[in-house]
Amino acid sequence: MKRNFLRIFRPVDFIILFIFLLVTAASVLFLKTHRNKEARLIVTSSQKEYIYPLSKDRKIEIDGVLGKSEIVIHDGRAYFKSSPCKNKTCIQMGALCEENDWAACLPNDVFIRIE
């Protein structure tokens, strides 16, 4: 029985299996270290940048070119609640919750993104 097992697997198969296990272990470590980082909201307005953790609920008022934009952080999500722009596209973008999600109120010069 043992001889049949060794006939099925060649030395190259063991090398491939080792590489597969190495890549799997590296992936698990990479995901574990990146999961521990706290998500944060980056707010940029008129050359100023503000950073807020998504773990704490809050309302933020940011001064823009047209007036104040209100941004809400709730349950790990961030969204524009109000803005003085005409078309309100920034409000219609909805809540941001994933890394690299972003929304902007271009007329008011306010940009938000999750990092």
N, C-alpha and C. Protein backbone atom coordinates (compact mmCIF):
# COMPACT_ATOMS: atom_id res chain seq x y z
N MET A 1 0.82 -1.19 0.00
CA MET A 1 0.00 0.00 0.00
C MET A 1 0.87 1.26 0.00
N LYS A 2 1.93 1.24 0.80
CA LYS A 2 2.79 2.40 0.88
C LYS A 2 3.51 2.64 -0.44
N ARG A 3 3.88 1.59 -1.11
CA ARG A 3 4.57 1.72 -2.40
C ARG A 3 3.65 2.36 -3.44
N ASN A 4 2.39 2.02 -3.41
CA ASN A 4 1.44 2.61 -4.36
C ASN A 4 1.29 4.11 -4.12
N PHE A 5 1.27 4.51 -2.86
CA PHE A 5 1.15 5.92 -2.52
C PHE A 5 2.35 6.71 -3.05
N LEU A 6 3.54 6.17 -2.89
CA LEU A 6 4.74 6.85 -3.37
C LEU A 6 4.82 6.85 -4.89
N ARG A 7 4.24 5.89 -5.53
CA ARG A 7 4.23 5.88 -7.00
C ARG A 7 3.32 6.96 -7.55
N ILE A 8 2.25 7.25 -6.83
CA ILE A 8 1.30 8.26 -7.31
C ILE A 8 1.92 9.66 -7.21
N PHE A 9 2.63 9.95 -6.13
CA PHE A 9 3.22 11.26 -5.93
C PHE A 9 4.69 11.26 -6.33
N ARG A 10 5.05 12.23 -7.14
CA ARG A 10 6.44 12.41 -7.54
C ARG A 10 7.04 13.55 -6.73
N PRO A 11 8.33 13.73 -6.74
CA PRO A 11 8.96 14.82 -5.97
C PRO A 11 8.41 16.21 -6.35
N VAL A 12 8.07 16.39 -7.61
CA VAL A 12 7.52 17.68 -8.06
C VAL A 12 6.18 17.96 -7.37
N ASP A 13 5.39 16.92 -7.15
CA ASP A 13 4.10 17.08 -6.48
C ASP A 13 4.29 17.59 -5.05
N PHE A 14 5.31 17.10 -4.36
CA PHE A 14 5.57 17.56 -3.00
C PHE A 14 6.02 19.02 -2.99
N ILE A 15 6.78 19.41 -3.99
CA ILE A 15 7.22 20.81 -4.09
C ILE A 15 6.00 21.71 -4.32
N ILE A 16 5.11 21.31 -5.21
CA ILE A 16 3.90 22.09 -5.48
C ILE A 16 3.03 22.18 -4.24
N LEU A 17 2.89 21.09 -3.51
CA LEU A 17 2.11 21.09 -2.28
C LEU A 17 2.74 22.02 -1.24
N PHE A 18 4.05 22.01 -1.12
CA PHE A 18 4.74 22.89 -0.18
C PHE A 18 4.51 24.36 -0.55
N ILE A 19 4.62 24.69 -1.83
CA ILE A 19 4.40 26.07 -2.28
C ILE A 19 2.95 26.50 -1.99
N PHE A 20 2.00 25.61 -2.24
CA PHE A 20 0.60 25.91 -1.97
C PHE A 20 0.37 26.20 -0.48
N LEU A 21 0.95 25.38 0.39
CA LEU A 21 0.81 25.60 1.83
C LEU A 21 1.48 26.90 2.27
N LEU A 22 2.60 27.23 1.68
CA LEU A 22 3.30 28.47 1.99
C LEU A 22 2.48 29.69 1.59
N VAL A 23 1.90 29.66 0.40
CA VAL A 23 1.06 30.77 -0.08
C VAL A 23 -0.19 30.90 0.80
N THR A 24 -0.78 29.80 1.18
CA THR A 24 -1.97 29.82 2.05
C THR A 24 -1.63 30.45 3.40
N ALA A 25 -0.53 30.05 4.00
CA ALA A 25 -0.12 30.60 5.30
C ALA A 25 0.17 32.10 5.18
N ALA A 26 0.83 32.52 4.11
CA ALA A 26 1.12 33.94 3.91
C ALA A 26 -0.17 34.74 3.74
N SER A 27 -1.14 34.19 3.03
CA SER A 27 -2.43 34.88 2.83
C SER A 27 -3.17 35.06 4.15
N VAL A 28 -3.18 34.02 4.96
CA VAL A 28 -3.86 34.10 6.26
C VAL A 28 -3.19 35.17 7.13
N LEU A 29 -1.88 35.21 7.17
CA LEU A 29 -1.17 36.22 7.96
C LEU A 29 -1.44 37.63 7.44
N PHE A 30 -1.46 37.79 6.13
CA PHE A 30 -1.73 39.09 5.53
C PHE A 30 -3.13 39.58 5.89
N LEU A 31 -4.13 38.71 5.76
CA LEU A 31 -5.49 39.09 6.09
C LEU A 31 -5.65 39.39 7.57
N LYS A 32 -4.97 38.64 8.41
CA LYS A 32 -5.07 38.84 9.85
C LYS A 32 -4.49 40.19 10.26
N THR A 33 -3.38 40.58 9.69
CA THR A 33 -2.76 41.86 10.06
C THR A 33 -3.56 43.02 9.51
N HIS A 34 -4.16 42.90 8.34
CA HIS A 34 -4.93 44.00 7.77
C HIS A 34 -6.31 44.11 8.42
N ARG A 35 -6.82 43.05 8.96
CA ARG A 35 -8.13 43.09 9.60
C ARG A 35 -8.06 43.84 10.92
N ASN A 36 -6.90 43.85 11.57
CA ASN A 36 -6.76 44.51 12.86
C ASN A 36 -6.68 46.03 12.74
N LYS A 37 -6.42 46.54 11.57
CA LYS A 37 -6.34 47.98 11.39
C LYS A 37 -7.74 48.57 11.43
N GLU A 38 -7.88 49.66 12.13
CA GLU A 38 -9.18 50.30 12.27
C GLU A 38 -9.47 51.14 11.03
N ALA A 39 -10.68 50.99 10.51
CA ALA A 39 -11.08 51.78 9.36
C ALA A 39 -11.27 53.23 9.80
N ARG A 40 -10.96 54.14 8.90
CA ARG A 40 -11.11 55.55 9.23
C ARG A 40 -11.64 56.32 8.04
N LEU A 41 -12.25 57.43 8.34
CA LEU A 41 -12.81 58.30 7.32
C LEU A 41 -11.88 59.48 7.13
N ILE A 42 -11.51 59.72 5.89
CA ILE A 42 -10.68 60.87 5.54
C ILE A 42 -11.59 61.90 4.90
N VAL A 43 -11.63 63.10 5.46
CA VAL A 43 -12.45 64.19 4.92
C VAL A 43 -11.50 65.28 4.44
N THR A 44 -11.64 65.66 3.17
CA THR A 44 -10.79 66.70 2.60
C THR A 44 -11.67 67.85 2.14
N SER A 45 -11.30 69.07 2.55
CA SER A 45 -12.06 70.26 2.18
C SER A 45 -11.13 71.45 2.12
N SER A 46 -11.12 72.12 0.99
CA SER A 46 -10.34 73.36 0.82
C SER A 46 -8.92 73.24 1.37
N GLN A 47 -8.22 72.24 0.91
CA GLN A 47 -6.82 72.01 1.26
C GLN A 47 -6.62 71.56 2.70
N LYS A 48 -7.68 71.26 3.45
CA LYS A 48 -7.55 70.74 4.82
C LYS A 48 -7.99 69.29 4.81
N GLU A 49 -7.38 68.50 5.68
CA GLU A 49 -7.73 67.08 5.77
C GLU A 49 -7.99 66.72 7.23
N TYR A 50 -9.09 66.01 7.44
CA TYR A 50 -9.49 65.57 8.77
C TYR A 50 -9.61 64.05 8.75
N ILE A 51 -9.28 63.41 9.88
CA ILE A 51 -9.35 61.96 9.97
C ILE A 51 -10.20 61.58 11.18
N TYR A 52 -11.19 60.70 10.95
CA TYR A 52 -12.10 60.25 12.00
C TYR A 52 -12.19 58.73 11.97
N PRO A 53 -12.18 58.08 13.14
CA PRO A 53 -12.38 56.62 13.16
C PRO A 53 -13.84 56.29 12.86
N LEU A 54 -14.07 55.21 12.13
CA LEU A 54 -15.44 54.80 11.83
C LEU A 54 -16.09 54.06 13.00
N SER A 55 -15.32 53.76 14.02
CA SER A 55 -15.85 53.00 15.15
C SER A 55 -16.67 53.87 16.10
N LYS A 56 -16.55 55.18 16.02
CA LYS A 56 -17.27 56.07 16.92
C LYS A 56 -18.32 56.86 16.13
N ASP A 57 -19.58 56.74 16.53
CA ASP A 57 -20.67 57.48 15.88
C ASP A 57 -20.54 58.97 16.18
N ARG A 58 -20.74 59.79 15.14
CA ARG A 58 -20.65 61.24 15.31
C ARG A 58 -21.24 61.97 14.11
N LYS A 59 -21.52 63.23 14.29
CA LYS A 59 -21.93 64.13 13.21
C LYS A 59 -20.83 65.16 13.03
N ILE A 60 -20.45 65.39 11.79
CA ILE A 60 -19.34 66.29 11.49
C ILE A 60 -19.86 67.38 10.56
N GLU A 61 -19.54 68.63 10.88
CA GLU A 61 -19.86 69.74 9.99
C GLU A 61 -18.55 70.25 9.40
N ILE A 62 -18.48 70.24 8.08
CA ILE A 62 -17.27 70.66 7.37
C ILE A 62 -17.58 71.90 6.56
N ASP A 63 -16.77 72.93 6.72
CA ASP A 63 -16.94 74.15 5.93
C ASP A 63 -16.40 73.93 4.53
N GLY A 64 -17.23 74.25 3.55
CA GLY A 64 -16.82 74.16 2.16
C GLY A 64 -16.94 75.52 1.49
N VAL A 65 -16.85 75.54 0.20
CA VAL A 65 -16.90 76.77 -0.58
C VAL A 65 -18.29 77.41 -0.48
N LEU A 66 -19.35 76.60 -0.53
CA LEU A 66 -20.72 77.10 -0.52
C LEU A 66 -21.31 77.22 0.88
N GLY A 67 -20.75 76.51 1.85
CA GLY A 67 -21.30 76.49 3.20
C GLY A 67 -20.90 75.21 3.92
N LYS A 68 -21.74 74.79 4.85
CA LYS A 68 -21.42 73.62 5.67
C LYS A 68 -22.04 72.36 5.08
N SER A 69 -21.24 71.30 5.00
CA SER A 69 -21.72 69.97 4.66
C SER A 69 -21.74 69.16 5.95
N GLU A 70 -22.84 68.43 6.17
CA GLU A 70 -22.93 67.59 7.35
C GLU A 70 -22.68 66.14 6.96
N ILE A 71 -21.73 65.52 7.62
CA ILE A 71 -21.36 64.13 7.38
C ILE A 71 -21.66 63.36 8.65
N VAL A 72 -22.26 62.19 8.51
CA VAL A 72 -22.62 61.37 9.66
C VAL A 72 -21.83 60.06 9.61
N ILE A 73 -21.27 59.68 10.75
CA ILE A 73 -20.64 58.36 10.91
C ILE A 73 -21.53 57.59 11.87
N HIS A 74 -22.05 56.46 11.40
CA HIS A 74 -22.96 55.65 12.22
C HIS A 74 -22.78 54.17 11.86
N ASP A 75 -22.57 53.34 12.87
CA ASP A 75 -22.40 51.89 12.69
C ASP A 75 -21.33 51.53 11.66
N GLY A 76 -20.21 52.22 11.69
CA GLY A 76 -19.11 51.91 10.79
C GLY A 76 -19.32 52.37 9.37
N ARG A 77 -20.31 53.21 9.15
CA ARG A 77 -20.61 53.75 7.82
C ARG A 77 -20.58 55.27 7.87
N ALA A 78 -20.27 55.89 6.75
CA ALA A 78 -20.24 57.35 6.68
C ALA A 78 -21.02 57.81 5.46
N TYR A 79 -21.72 58.92 5.61
CA TYR A 79 -22.51 59.45 4.49
C TYR A 79 -22.75 60.94 4.67
N PHE A 80 -23.04 61.61 3.54
CA PHE A 80 -23.43 63.01 3.56
C PHE A 80 -24.90 63.07 4.00
N LYS A 81 -25.17 63.82 5.05
CA LYS A 81 -26.56 64.00 5.48
C LYS A 81 -27.17 65.23 4.83
N SER A 82 -26.37 66.30 4.74
CA SER A 82 -26.84 67.52 4.08
C SER A 82 -25.66 68.26 3.49
N SER A 83 -25.97 69.06 2.48
CA SER A 83 -24.95 69.85 1.83
C SER A 83 -25.63 71.00 1.09
N PRO A 84 -24.97 72.15 0.97
CA PRO A 84 -25.61 73.31 0.35
C PRO A 84 -25.61 73.30 -1.19
N CYS A 85 -25.16 72.24 -1.80
CA CYS A 85 -25.12 72.19 -3.26
C CYS A 85 -26.53 72.06 -3.85
N LYS A 86 -26.68 72.34 -5.13
CA LYS A 86 -27.99 72.33 -5.76
C LYS A 86 -28.52 70.92 -6.04
N ASN A 87 -27.72 70.07 -6.63
CA ASN A 87 -28.23 68.77 -7.11
C ASN A 87 -28.23 67.65 -6.08
N LYS A 88 -27.55 67.79 -4.96
CA LYS A 88 -27.53 66.82 -3.85
C LYS A 88 -27.06 65.42 -4.27
N THR A 89 -26.19 65.33 -5.25
CA THR A 89 -25.64 64.04 -5.69
C THR A 89 -24.85 63.38 -4.57
N CYS A 90 -24.17 64.18 -3.78
CA CYS A 90 -23.37 63.63 -2.68
C CYS A 90 -24.25 62.89 -1.67
N ILE A 91 -25.43 63.41 -1.42
CA ILE A 91 -26.35 62.77 -0.47
C ILE A 91 -26.90 61.48 -1.07
N GLN A 92 -27.15 61.48 -2.36
CA GLN A 92 -27.70 60.31 -3.05
C GLN A 92 -26.69 59.18 -3.18
N MET A 93 -25.41 59.44 -2.94
CA MET A 93 -24.38 58.40 -3.02
C MET A 93 -24.61 57.30 -1.99
N GLY A 94 -25.27 57.62 -0.90
CA GLY A 94 -25.53 56.63 0.13
C GLY A 94 -24.35 56.47 1.08
N ALA A 95 -24.41 55.43 1.90
CA ALA A 95 -23.41 55.22 2.94
C ALA A 95 -22.17 54.51 2.39
N LEU A 96 -21.04 54.95 2.86
CA LEU A 96 -19.76 54.33 2.51
C LEU A 96 -19.38 53.38 3.64
N CYS A 97 -18.95 52.18 3.29
CA CYS A 97 -18.59 51.23 4.35
C CYS A 97 -17.35 50.40 4.02
N GLU A 98 -16.95 50.32 2.78
CA GLU A 98 -15.80 49.51 2.38
C GLU A 98 -14.57 50.38 2.15
N GLU A 99 -13.41 49.77 2.29
CA GLU A 99 -12.17 50.48 2.02
C GLU A 99 -12.17 50.98 0.58
N ASN A 100 -11.70 52.19 0.38
CA ASN A 100 -11.61 52.88 -0.91
C ASN A 100 -12.96 53.36 -1.43
N ASP A 101 -14.04 53.23 -0.67
CA ASP A 101 -15.30 53.88 -1.05
C ASP A 101 -15.11 55.38 -0.89
N TRP A 102 -15.77 56.16 -1.74
CA TRP A 102 -15.65 57.61 -1.63
C TRP A 102 -16.92 58.28 -2.12
N ALA A 103 -17.08 59.51 -1.70
CA ALA A 103 -18.17 60.37 -2.16
C ALA A 103 -17.64 61.80 -2.13
N ALA A 104 -18.23 62.64 -2.96
CA ALA A 104 -17.75 64.01 -3.03
C ALA A 104 -18.90 64.97 -3.30
N CYS A 105 -18.80 66.13 -2.70
CA CYS A 105 -19.67 67.24 -3.03
C CYS A 105 -18.77 68.23 -3.77
N LEU A 106 -18.72 68.11 -5.07
CA LEU A 106 -17.80 68.92 -5.86
C LEU A 106 -18.10 70.41 -5.78
N PRO A 107 -19.38 70.84 -5.86
CA PRO A 107 -19.63 72.28 -5.76
C PRO A 107 -19.16 72.88 -4.43
N ASN A 108 -19.23 72.10 -3.36
CA ASN A 108 -18.83 72.59 -2.05
C ASN A 108 -17.38 72.24 -1.71
N ASP A 109 -16.71 71.51 -2.59
CA ASP A 109 -15.30 71.14 -2.42
C ASP A 109 -15.07 70.31 -1.16
N VAL A 110 -15.93 69.28 -0.95
CA VAL A 110 -15.79 68.37 0.18
C VAL A 110 -15.71 66.95 -0.38
N PHE A 111 -14.69 66.20 0.03
CA PHE A 111 -14.44 64.85 -0.47
C PHE A 111 -14.25 63.93 0.73
N ILE A 112 -14.94 62.78 0.74
CA ILE A 112 -14.77 61.81 1.83
C ILE A 112 -14.40 60.46 1.25
N ARG A 113 -13.56 59.73 1.98
CA ARG A 113 -13.19 58.38 1.56
C ARG A 113 -12.84 57.54 2.78
N ILE A 114 -12.99 56.24 2.63
CA ILE A 114 -12.67 55.32 3.72
C ILE A 114 -11.31 54.69 3.43
N GLU A 115 -10.50 54.64 4.45
CA GLU A 115 -9.17 54.07 4.32
C GLU A 115 -8.99 52.97 5.34
